[in-house]
Protein backbone atom coordinates (compact mmCIF):
# COMPACT_ATOMS: atom_id res chain seq x y z
CA MET A 1 109.35 85.88 110.65
CA ILE A 2 111.15 88.65 108.80
CA ASP A 3 111.69 86.39 105.77
CA LEU A 4 108.01 85.43 105.72
CA GLY A 5 107.07 89.10 105.79
CA LYS A 6 109.35 89.84 102.85
CA ILE A 7 107.86 86.96 100.88
CA LEU A 8 104.31 88.17 101.57
CA ILE A 9 105.20 91.73 100.53
CA GLY A 10 106.78 90.39 97.32
CA LEU A 11 103.71 88.29 96.51
CA GLY A 12 101.45 91.25 97.20
CA ALA A 13 103.49 93.45 94.86
CA LEU A 14 103.34 90.74 92.21
CA LEU A 15 99.55 90.55 92.53
CA VAL A 16 99.24 94.32 92.21
CA ILE A 17 101.37 94.29 89.06
CA ALA A 18 99.35 91.40 87.62
CA GLY A 19 96.12 93.29 88.35
CA ILE A 20 97.39 96.41 86.60
CA VAL A 21 98.43 94.35 83.57
CA VAL A 22 95.00 92.70 83.38
CA ILE A 23 93.26 96.08 83.57
CA LEU A 24 95.49 97.52 80.84
CA LEU A 25 94.98 94.49 78.59
CA GLY A 26 91.22 94.88 79.00
CA ARG A 27 91.38 98.51 77.92
CA ILE A 28 93.40 97.93 74.74
CA HIS A 29 91.00 95.16 73.62
CA LEU A 30 93.45 92.35 72.93
CA PRO A 31 91.59 89.23 71.78
CA ILE A 32 92.78 87.20 74.78
CA GLY A 33 89.88 84.91 75.59
CA ARG A 34 88.48 85.09 72.06
CA LEU A 35 91.25 83.40 70.08
CA PRO A 36 90.48 80.81 67.37
CA GLY A 37 91.52 77.85 69.55
CA ASP A 38 89.29 78.75 72.50
CA ILE A 39 86.43 76.33 73.07
CA LEU A 40 82.94 77.75 73.52
CA TYR A 41 79.82 75.62 73.70
CA ARG A 42 76.43 77.20 74.15
CA GLY A 43 73.62 74.77 74.79
CA LYS A 44 70.00 75.43 75.59
CA HIS A 45 70.56 75.93 79.30
CA THR A 46 74.34 75.73 79.67
CA THR A 47 77.43 77.49 78.48
CA PHE A 48 80.89 75.93 78.60
CA TYR A 49 83.98 78.02 77.91
CA PHE A 50 87.57 76.75 77.93
CA PRO A 51 90.22 79.27 76.78
CA LEU A 52 92.71 76.71 75.45
CA ALA A 53 94.57 78.91 72.94
CA SER A 54 94.58 81.88 75.30
CA SER A 55 96.02 79.74 78.11
CA LEU A 56 98.77 78.42 75.86
CA LEU A 57 99.66 81.91 74.64
CA ILE A 58 99.83 83.32 78.17
CA SER A 59 101.92 80.34 79.30
CA ILE A 60 104.43 80.82 76.49
CA VAL A 61 104.73 84.56 77.12
CA LEU A 62 105.18 84.11 80.88
CA SER A 63 107.73 81.34 80.33
CA LEU A 64 109.77 83.58 78.04
CA VAL A 65 109.59 86.52 80.44
CA LEU A 66 110.67 84.39 83.40
CA TYR A 67 113.44 82.80 81.32
CA PHE A 68 114.86 86.20 80.37
CA LEU A 69 114.54 87.48 83.94
CA SER A 70 116.49 84.46 85.20
CA LYS A 71 119.22 85.13 82.60
CA ILE A 72 119.45 88.78 83.67
CA HIS A 73 119.52 87.86 87.36
CA ARG A 74 122.59 85.60 86.99
C-alpha cells in the first residue's frame, strides 16, 4: 500500500506541474492549437477541429524531455 501511495502522490504532482505549464503557455500566447498543420472545418451547423501539427510538436518536445531525463537519471 505504501508503494501505491507514493505512485499516486507522484502522479498528482505531475498533474499539478502539467496544469501550471498549460496555464503559463496560455498566458504567453504560444500558437499551440493554431499551427499551420492543424485541421479546422467549419460547416453550417458543425465544427471539426483536429490539432495535428500541435500534437506532433508536443509529442516531439515531450519525447526529447523524457529522453534527456532518462539520460540524466542513469
